[in-house]
Amino acid sequence: MPLNYHHLRYFWAVAHDGNLTRTAQRLNLSQSALSVQIKQLEERLGHDLFERRGRQLHLTEAGRIALGHADAIFSTGQELVATLSGTVQSRKALRVGALATLSRNFQIGFLRPILSRSDVEVVLRSGSPAELLEGLGTLNVDLVLMNQPPPDDSLTPYETHKIGEQDVSIVGSPARLDPDRPLRELLLEQPFILPTAGSSVRTAFDALASRLSVRPQIAAEVDDMAMMRLLAREDIGLALVAPIVVTDELNSGRLREASEHPRIQETFYAVTLRRRFPNPLVQDLLERHAASAFLS
C-alpha cells in the first residue's frame, strides 16, 4: 500500500507544533479527526510516532526519523512549486556524485568556481563507485568524482576526464614519526593506517613494500579520509595520506610528514555520461578547471 501523503502532512504539522489541539485548530479540523489521520499513518509505518507526556506530545525515535523524511519531502515540494512558478527560474542545478572516501578538501577545490556562483545550486551526494555510476546512468547526477577510472569498453557509456593528482605522504605524530628516518625503517618499525585493499593508493603501497622486501604492520585499514586523519591524530600509527587531508594538523605541528616520500600519487577523475545533451554547467566546470591547470 503506498504512503498517504495527506496523513504525512498532518503528522508533519503536529510534530512541528508539538500540540494536537493547536494544530487541529490551525488546520480547521476536529482533534479526533486529526488523531485518526495520524493513527492511520502509524499503522501504515508499523511504529508509534508520538508518545504523550502530560498534555504534550513527544516524538518517538521512529517519529524523529519520519520527521526528517517529511521535512525533506515537503521542502522539495516547495522548491518544485517555486521553480515552476518562475520565482527561481534564473537558478541552475548541478548534481555531483562523489566517492564517499574522496578528500573533502579536493572536492571543494574542484567545485569552487561553481560554488561561488549565486545562480547555481550544487547538490552533492556521496556513495560507492557502483551507486554513483548507477546514478549517472539514470541521470540522477550530472558528474561523478572518483579516484579510480570506471571500466572503459564499448559497453560503458562513460567519458573519463583526468582532473588532478596529488602526492601521497607518510604522516604521524611527533612522538611516533622521525621525519628523517629512512622509509624502509619506518615500514619495518611502525604500524600503518592504510587505505583499504583494492584502491589505487593501497595497490601502489603494497607494491612499494614488496620491492623493499618489507611486510608492514597494519594498524587499521580505512576507506574514509576523515577517519584516517582522526586515527593519525590519535597516534594509532603512521598514515598513508595526501597532505591536503591533514593540512591543519601539519601546519599546527600536531602531525609531521616523513622527509622521504613513498612516490605514490592519487589521481582524480571526473566521470560524465556520453549523451547528446549534457548539463552545460559540467562542461563549464571542466573547461574552467582545464584552464586553471594550464595557467598554473
Protein backbone atom coordinates (compact mmCIF):
# COMPACT_ATOMS: atom_id res chain seq x y z
CA MET A 1 0.00 0.00 0.00
CA PRO A 2 1.51 3.39 -0.97
CA LEU A 3 2.09 6.07 1.63
CA ASN A 4 -0.76 8.55 2.12
CA TYR A 5 0.88 11.98 1.95
CA HIS A 6 -2.13 13.70 3.50
CA HIS A 7 -1.51 11.64 6.63
CA LEU A 8 2.19 12.52 6.46
CA ARG A 9 1.43 16.24 6.20
CA TYR A 10 -0.84 16.11 9.25
CA PHE A 11 1.89 14.30 11.20
CA TRP A 12 4.44 16.88 9.99
CA ALA A 13 2.25 19.75 11.21
CA VAL A 14 1.65 18.20 14.63
CA ALA A 15 5.34 17.29 15.04
CA HIS A 16 6.40 20.89 14.50
CA ASP A 17 3.63 22.30 16.73
CA GLY A 18 4.00 19.70 19.47
CA ASN A 19 0.35 20.16 20.35
CA LEU A 20 -2.54 18.26 18.77
CA THR A 21 -5.25 20.73 19.82
CA ARG A 22 -3.42 23.77 18.49
CA THR A 23 -2.64 22.03 15.18
CA ALA A 24 -6.26 20.91 14.77
CA GLN A 25 -7.46 24.48 15.26
CA ARG A 26 -4.92 25.83 12.78
CA LEU A 27 -5.93 23.24 10.16
CA ASN A 28 -9.64 23.72 10.86
CA LEU A 29 -10.07 20.04 11.79
CA SER A 30 -11.54 18.34 14.81
CA GLN A 31 -8.99 16.93 17.23
CA SER A 32 -10.43 13.44 16.82
CA ALA A 33 -10.20 13.61 13.02
CA LEU A 34 -6.56 14.68 13.22
CA SER A 35 -5.81 11.86 15.68
CA VAL A 36 -7.35 9.33 13.28
CA GLN A 37 -5.19 10.57 10.40
CA ILE A 38 -2.00 10.18 12.46
CA LYS A 39 -3.11 6.79 13.76
CA GLN A 40 -3.56 5.58 10.18
CA LEU A 41 -0.04 6.77 9.33
CA GLU A 42 1.36 4.92 12.36
CA GLU A 43 -0.44 1.76 11.26
CA ARG A 44 0.98 2.12 7.75
CA LEU A 45 4.54 2.61 9.07
CA GLY A 46 4.20 -0.01 11.81
CA HIS A 47 5.51 2.29 14.56
CA ASP A 48 4.17 4.77 17.09
CA LEU A 49 5.33 8.25 16.11
CA PHE A 50 4.37 10.12 19.30
CA GLU A 51 4.28 9.45 22.99
CA ARG A 52 2.20 11.59 25.32
CA ARG A 53 3.75 13.17 28.41
CA GLY A 54 1.09 15.06 30.25
CA ARG A 55 -0.54 17.36 27.71
CA GLN A 56 2.45 17.42 25.40
CA LEU A 57 3.27 15.11 22.50
CA HIS A 58 6.87 13.99 22.10
CA LEU A 59 8.36 12.24 19.10
CA THR A 60 9.50 8.64 19.45
CA GLU A 61 12.68 7.53 17.72
CA ALA A 62 10.57 6.39 14.76
CA GLY A 63 8.85 9.78 14.86
CA ARG A 64 12.17 11.61 14.64
CA ILE A 65 13.15 9.53 11.63
CA ALA A 66 9.77 10.13 9.98
CA LEU A 67 10.01 13.88 10.64
CA GLY A 68 13.40 14.08 8.96
CA HIS A 69 11.99 12.45 5.83
CA ALA A 70 8.85 14.59 5.96
CA ASP A 71 10.95 17.78 6.19
CA ALA A 72 12.89 16.71 3.08
CA ILE A 73 9.74 15.72 1.18
CA PHE A 74 7.82 18.93 1.80
CA SER A 75 10.87 21.12 1.31
CA THR A 76 11.37 19.52 -2.10
CA GLY A 77 7.71 20.14 -2.88
CA GLN A 78 8.07 23.81 -2.03
CA GLU A 79 11.15 24.06 -4.24
CA LEU A 80 9.25 22.43 -7.11
CA VAL A 81 6.38 24.90 -6.84
CA ALA A 82 8.80 27.82 -6.65
CA THR A 83 10.77 26.59 -9.65
CA LEU A 84 7.77 26.04 -11.91
CA SER A 85 6.08 29.27 -10.84
CA GLY A 86 9.10 31.17 -12.07
CA THR A 87 10.37 32.51 -8.75
CA VAL A 88 13.75 30.82 -9.13
CA GLN A 89 13.88 30.38 -12.90
CA SER A 90 17.30 32.02 -13.04
CA ARG A 91 18.91 29.36 -10.82
CA LYS A 92 20.50 26.27 -12.32
CA ALA A 93 21.31 22.97 -10.63
CA LEU A 94 24.47 20.88 -10.80
CA ARG A 95 24.15 17.42 -9.25
CA VAL A 96 27.52 15.97 -8.30
CA GLY A 97 28.22 12.49 -7.01
CA ALA A 98 31.48 11.99 -5.13
CA LEU A 99 33.13 8.86 -3.84
CA ALA A 100 32.45 8.71 -0.10
CA THR A 101 36.16 8.28 0.64
CA LEU A 102 37.34 11.17 -1.53
CA SER A 103 39.15 14.09 0.10
CA ARG A 104 36.63 16.82 1.02
CA ASN A 105 39.29 19.47 0.51
CA PHE A 106 39.87 18.28 -3.06
CA GLN A 107 36.12 18.25 -3.78
CA ILE A 108 35.72 21.83 -2.56
CA GLY A 109 38.75 22.97 -4.57
CA PHE A 110 37.43 21.44 -7.77
CA LEU A 111 33.88 22.75 -7.31
CA ARG A 112 34.88 26.22 -6.07
CA PRO A 113 34.19 28.03 -9.40
CA ILE A 114 30.60 26.76 -9.30
CA LEU A 115 30.11 27.05 -5.52
CA SER A 116 30.81 30.79 -5.71
CA ARG A 117 28.05 31.40 -8.28
CA SER A 118 24.79 32.77 -6.89
CA ASP A 119 22.82 31.46 -9.88
CA VAL A 120 23.85 27.83 -9.33
CA GLU A 121 22.68 25.33 -6.73
CA VAL A 122 25.08 22.44 -6.17
CA VAL A 123 23.59 19.17 -4.96
CA LEU A 124 26.40 16.96 -3.65
CA ARG A 125 25.83 13.26 -2.99
CA SER A 126 28.31 10.61 -1.85
CA GLY A 127 28.34 6.87 -2.33
CA SER A 128 30.18 3.82 -3.59
CA PRO A 129 31.50 3.62 -7.18
CA ALA A 130 28.62 1.34 -8.20
CA GLU A 131 25.99 3.66 -6.67
CA LEU A 132 27.48 6.75 -8.27
CA LEU A 133 27.79 5.24 -11.74
CA GLU A 134 24.25 3.93 -11.50
CA GLY A 135 23.10 7.46 -10.62
CA LEU A 136 24.99 8.78 -13.63
CA GLY A 137 23.31 6.22 -15.88
CA THR A 138 19.83 7.10 -14.59
CA LEU A 139 20.57 10.85 -14.91
CA ASN A 140 20.22 11.43 -11.16
CA VAL A 141 23.69 13.01 -11.14
CA ASP A 142 25.45 15.03 -13.83
CA LEU A 143 29.03 14.35 -12.81
CA VAL A 144 30.89 11.85 -10.65
CA LEU A 145 34.19 12.50 -8.86
CA MET A 146 36.37 9.42 -8.26
CA ASN A 147 39.99 8.44 -7.66
CA GLN A 148 39.82 5.43 -9.98
CA PRO A 149 38.57 5.44 -13.57
CA PRO A 150 35.47 3.36 -14.32
CA PRO A 151 35.62 0.40 -16.72
CA ASP A 152 36.45 1.55 -20.23
CA ASP A 153 34.99 -0.57 -23.01
CA SER A 154 32.31 -0.38 -25.68
CA LEU A 155 29.59 -1.32 -23.16
CA THR A 156 30.26 1.52 -20.71
CA PRO A 157 28.86 4.90 -21.80
CA TYR A 158 31.25 6.98 -19.68
CA GLU A 159 33.67 9.76 -20.53
CA THR A 160 36.53 10.00 -18.04
CA HIS A 161 38.39 13.28 -17.51
CA LYS A 162 41.61 13.34 -15.50
CA ILE A 163 41.29 16.44 -13.32
CA GLY A 164 44.25 16.23 -10.99
CA GLU A 165 46.71 14.25 -8.98
CA GLN A 166 48.47 14.70 -5.68
CA ASP A 167 51.39 13.10 -3.92
CA VAL A 168 50.70 10.80 -1.01
CA SER A 169 52.89 11.09 2.08
CA ILE A 170 53.51 9.30 5.33
CA VAL A 171 52.39 11.36 8.34
CA GLY A 172 52.31 10.74 12.06
CA SER A 173 52.52 12.32 15.48
CA PRO A 174 55.82 13.93 16.54
CA ALA A 175 56.19 11.21 19.19
CA ARG A 176 55.96 8.45 16.59
CA LEU A 177 57.47 9.88 13.41
CA ASP A 178 61.10 10.88 12.98
CA PRO A 179 60.91 12.74 9.65
CA ASP A 180 64.49 11.90 8.72
CA ARG A 181 64.21 8.17 9.29
CA PRO A 182 64.55 6.13 6.07
CA LEU A 183 61.31 4.91 4.57
CA ARG A 184 62.24 1.24 4.84
CA GLU A 185 62.92 1.57 8.56
CA LEU A 186 59.54 3.26 9.10
CA LEU A 187 57.85 0.40 7.29
CA LEU A 188 59.69 -2.12 9.45
CA GLU A 189 59.21 -0.42 12.81
CA GLN A 190 55.87 1.41 12.84
CA PRO A 191 52.23 0.32 12.48
CA PHE A 192 50.45 1.84 9.49
CA ILE A 193 46.98 3.22 8.81
CA LEU A 194 46.26 2.37 5.18
CA PRO A 195 43.51 2.73 2.59
CA THR A 196 41.50 -0.43 2.09
CA ALA A 197 42.71 -3.09 -0.33
CA GLY A 198 41.77 -2.51 -3.95
CA SER A 199 42.27 1.26 -4.01
CA SER A 200 44.93 2.58 -6.37
CA VAL A 201 46.93 4.11 -3.49
CA ARG A 202 46.86 0.87 -1.50
CA THR A 203 47.93 -1.16 -4.55
CA ALA A 204 50.89 1.16 -5.08
CA PHE A 205 51.82 0.96 -1.39
CA ASP A 206 51.72 -2.86 -1.40
CA ALA A 207 53.95 -2.87 -4.48
CA LEU A 208 56.40 -0.50 -2.73
CA ALA A 209 56.55 -2.73 0.36
CA SER A 210 57.17 -5.75 -1.86
CA ARG A 211 60.05 -4.02 -3.65
CA LEU A 212 61.59 -3.16 -0.28
CA SER A 213 61.06 -6.74 0.97
CA VAL A 214 59.02 -5.47 3.93
CA ARG A 215 55.75 -6.68 5.40
CA PRO A 216 54.39 -3.65 7.28
CA GLN A 217 52.32 -3.97 10.42
CA ILE A 218 48.80 -2.77 9.60
CA ALA A 219 47.11 -0.97 12.48
CA ALA A 220 43.95 -0.15 10.53
CA GLU A 221 42.52 -0.25 7.01
CA VAL A 222 40.26 2.72 6.42
CA ASP A 223 38.09 3.77 3.49
CA ASP A 224 37.33 7.26 4.80
CA MET A 225 39.85 10.11 4.80
CA ALA A 226 38.29 11.82 7.81
CA MET A 227 38.69 8.65 9.86
CA MET A 228 42.27 8.20 8.67
CA ARG A 229 43.02 11.74 9.76
CA LEU A 230 41.46 11.09 13.19
CA LEU A 231 43.39 7.85 13.72
CA ALA A 232 46.66 9.57 12.84
CA ARG A 233 45.88 12.36 15.31
CA GLU A 234 45.12 9.75 17.99
CA ASP A 235 48.59 8.25 17.36
CA ILE A 236 47.28 4.83 16.28
CA GLY A 237 50.03 4.62 13.69
CA LEU A 238 51.58 6.31 10.67
CA ALA A 239 49.06 7.20 7.97
CA LEU A 240 49.47 6.95 4.22
CA VAL A 241 47.56 10.03 3.15
CA ALA A 242 47.70 13.07 0.89
CA PRO A 243 48.95 16.15 2.81
CA ILE A 244 45.83 18.11 1.77
CA VAL A 245 43.77 15.84 4.04
CA VAL A 246 45.78 16.83 7.13
CA THR A 247 46.74 20.41 6.22
CA ASP A 248 45.62 21.89 9.56
CA GLU A 249 47.45 19.25 11.60
CA LEU A 250 50.68 19.70 9.62
CA ASN A 251 50.53 23.49 9.97
CA SER A 252 49.88 23.27 13.72
CA GLY A 253 52.60 20.65 14.28
CA ARG A 254 50.17 18.08 15.62
CA LEU A 255 51.28 15.81 12.78
CA ARG A 256 54.51 15.80 10.80
CA GLU A 257 55.45 14.46 7.40
CA ALA A 258 58.22 11.99 6.56
CA SER A 259 61.05 13.53 4.54
CA GLU A 260 61.37 10.52 2.24
CA HIS A 261 58.21 10.27 0.17
CA PRO A 262 56.83 6.91 -0.96
CA ARG A 263 56.45 8.31 -4.51
CA ILE A 264 52.82 7.35 -4.71
CA GLN A 265 50.22 9.57 -6.34
CA GLU A 266 46.46 9.68 -6.04
CA THR A 267 44.77 10.57 -9.31
CA PHE A 268 41.34 12.18 -9.54
CA TYR A 269 38.79 11.78 -12.30
CA ALA A 270 35.54 13.45 -13.31
CA VAL A 271 33.22 10.97 -14.98
CA THR A 272 30.38 12.05 -17.24
CA LEU A 273 27.87 10.21 -19.36
CA ARG A 274 28.18 10.13 -23.11
CA ARG A 275 24.88 11.71 -24.08
CA ARG A 276 23.68 14.25 -26.53
CA PHE A 277 22.53 17.00 -24.18
CA PRO A 278 24.77 17.15 -21.07
CA ASN A 279 24.29 19.71 -18.31
CA PRO A 280 26.14 22.81 -19.63
CA LEU A 281 27.42 23.51 -16.10
CA VAL A 282 29.50 20.32 -16.30
CA GLN A 283 31.24 21.48 -19.46
CA ASP A 284 31.79 24.92 -17.96
CA LEU A 285 33.33 23.42 -14.80
CA LEU A 286 35.64 21.10 -16.76
CA GLU A 287 36.76 23.93 -19.04
CA ARG A 288 37.44 26.23 -16.09
CA HIS A 289 39.45 23.51 -14.38
CA ALA A 290 41.47 22.79 -17.53
CA ALA A 291 42.21 26.48 -17.99
CA SER A 292 43.36 26.96 -14.39
CA ALA A 293 45.54 23.83 -14.59
CA PHE A 294 47.15 25.13 -17.79
CA LEU A 295 47.85 28.56 -16.30
CA SER A 296 49.37 27.06 -13.15
